[in-house]
Protein backbone atom coordinates (compact mmCIF):
# COMPACT_ATOMS: atom_id res chain seq x y z
CA MET A 1 74.14 7.24 -11.55
CA LYS A 2 71.44 6.39 -9.01
CA ASP A 3 74.06 4.77 -6.76
CA LEU A 4 76.08 8.01 -6.73
CA LEU A 5 72.98 9.97 -5.72
CA GLU A 6 72.19 7.47 -2.94
CA PHE A 7 75.76 7.73 -1.64
CA ILE A 8 75.61 11.53 -1.57
CA LEU A 9 72.19 11.63 0.13
CA LYS A 10 73.22 9.12 2.81
CA GLY A 11 76.28 11.27 3.50
CA ILE A 12 74.21 14.43 3.85
CA THR A 13 71.32 13.05 5.90
CA GLY A 14 73.08 10.26 7.77
CA LYS A 15 69.99 8.13 7.07
CA ASP A 16 68.60 6.02 4.28
CA ASN A 17 64.92 6.83 4.74
CA PHE A 18 64.46 8.26 1.27
CA VAL A 19 63.24 6.96 -2.06
CA ILE A 20 64.76 7.82 -5.42
CA GLU A 21 62.60 7.48 -8.49
CA GLU A 22 64.66 7.32 -11.67
CA GLU A 23 63.56 7.88 -15.24
CA VAL A 24 66.12 7.28 -17.96
CA ASN A 25 65.66 8.52 -21.50
CA GLU A 26 68.07 8.20 -24.38
CA ASP A 27 69.51 11.66 -23.64
CA ALA A 28 68.61 12.41 -20.00
CA TYR A 29 68.33 11.14 -16.45
CA SER A 30 65.51 12.43 -14.27
CA PHE A 31 65.58 11.80 -10.52
CA ARG A 32 62.88 12.47 -7.95
CA ILE A 33 64.05 12.32 -4.35
CA ILE A 34 61.23 11.62 -1.88
CA LEU A 35 62.14 12.43 1.73
CA GLU A 36 60.65 12.86 5.16
CA PRO A 37 59.68 16.52 5.68
CA ASP A 38 62.32 16.98 8.39
CA SER A 39 65.14 15.94 6.00
CA ILE A 40 64.20 18.23 3.13
CA GLY A 41 65.96 21.21 4.69
CA LEU A 42 69.21 19.26 4.89
CA ILE A 43 69.06 18.34 1.21
CA ILE A 44 68.03 21.76 -0.06
CA GLY A 45 70.38 23.70 2.22
CA LYS A 46 70.53 27.42 2.87
CA GLY A 47 69.49 29.22 -0.28
CA GLY A 48 69.41 25.93 -2.19
CA LYS A 49 73.20 25.61 -2.14
CA THR A 50 73.28 21.94 -1.13
CA ILE A 51 70.87 20.69 -3.79
CA LYS A 52 72.65 22.81 -6.41
CA ALA A 53 75.94 21.16 -5.44
CA VAL A 54 74.34 17.70 -5.70
CA GLN A 55 72.94 18.59 -9.13
CA THR A 56 76.35 19.84 -10.25
CA LEU A 57 78.04 16.59 -9.21
CA LEU A 58 75.44 14.53 -11.05
CA ARG A 59 75.64 16.74 -14.13
CA VAL A 60 79.42 16.27 -14.28
CA ARG A 61 78.87 12.52 -14.25
CA GLY A 62 76.10 12.88 -16.83
CA LYS A 63 78.38 14.93 -19.07
CA LEU A 64 80.76 11.97 -19.18
CA GLU A 65 77.86 9.87 -20.48
CA ASN A 66 76.55 12.65 -22.79
CA LYS A 67 73.26 12.90 -20.88
CA LYS A 68 71.42 15.71 -19.14
CA VAL A 69 70.50 15.30 -15.47
CA PHE A 70 67.45 16.67 -13.66
CA VAL A 71 66.89 16.38 -9.89
CA ASN A 72 63.65 17.17 -8.03
CA VAL A 73 62.96 16.96 -4.30
CA SER A 74 59.60 16.31 -2.65
CA SER A 75 58.34 15.22 0.73
CA LYS A 76 56.68 11.90 1.48
CA GLU A 77 53.54 13.81 2.46
CA ASP A 78 53.34 15.41 -0.99
CA SER A 79 53.73 12.10 -2.83
CA SER A 80 51.17 10.25 -0.68
CA SER A 81 48.45 12.82 -1.42
CA SER A 82 48.92 12.56 -5.19
CA PRO A 83 46.37 10.43 -7.06
């Protein structure tokens, strides 16, 4: 699942300067995408349409595996200031 997300993000941004943190439970996948602040707008898209489309694609794949999928986006600045 993480490889699908990486493929999609590389296609959207044209770069690979992001980090994906993955947490897998018995019934769910949780992804946290950490990006440069200038790339966040590309991933979220106008009105959140791009990130919703990414979530939909991952949820379709998760449905095949009977798992829920959650995707969060944050900037590298946000994650570096966290304790």
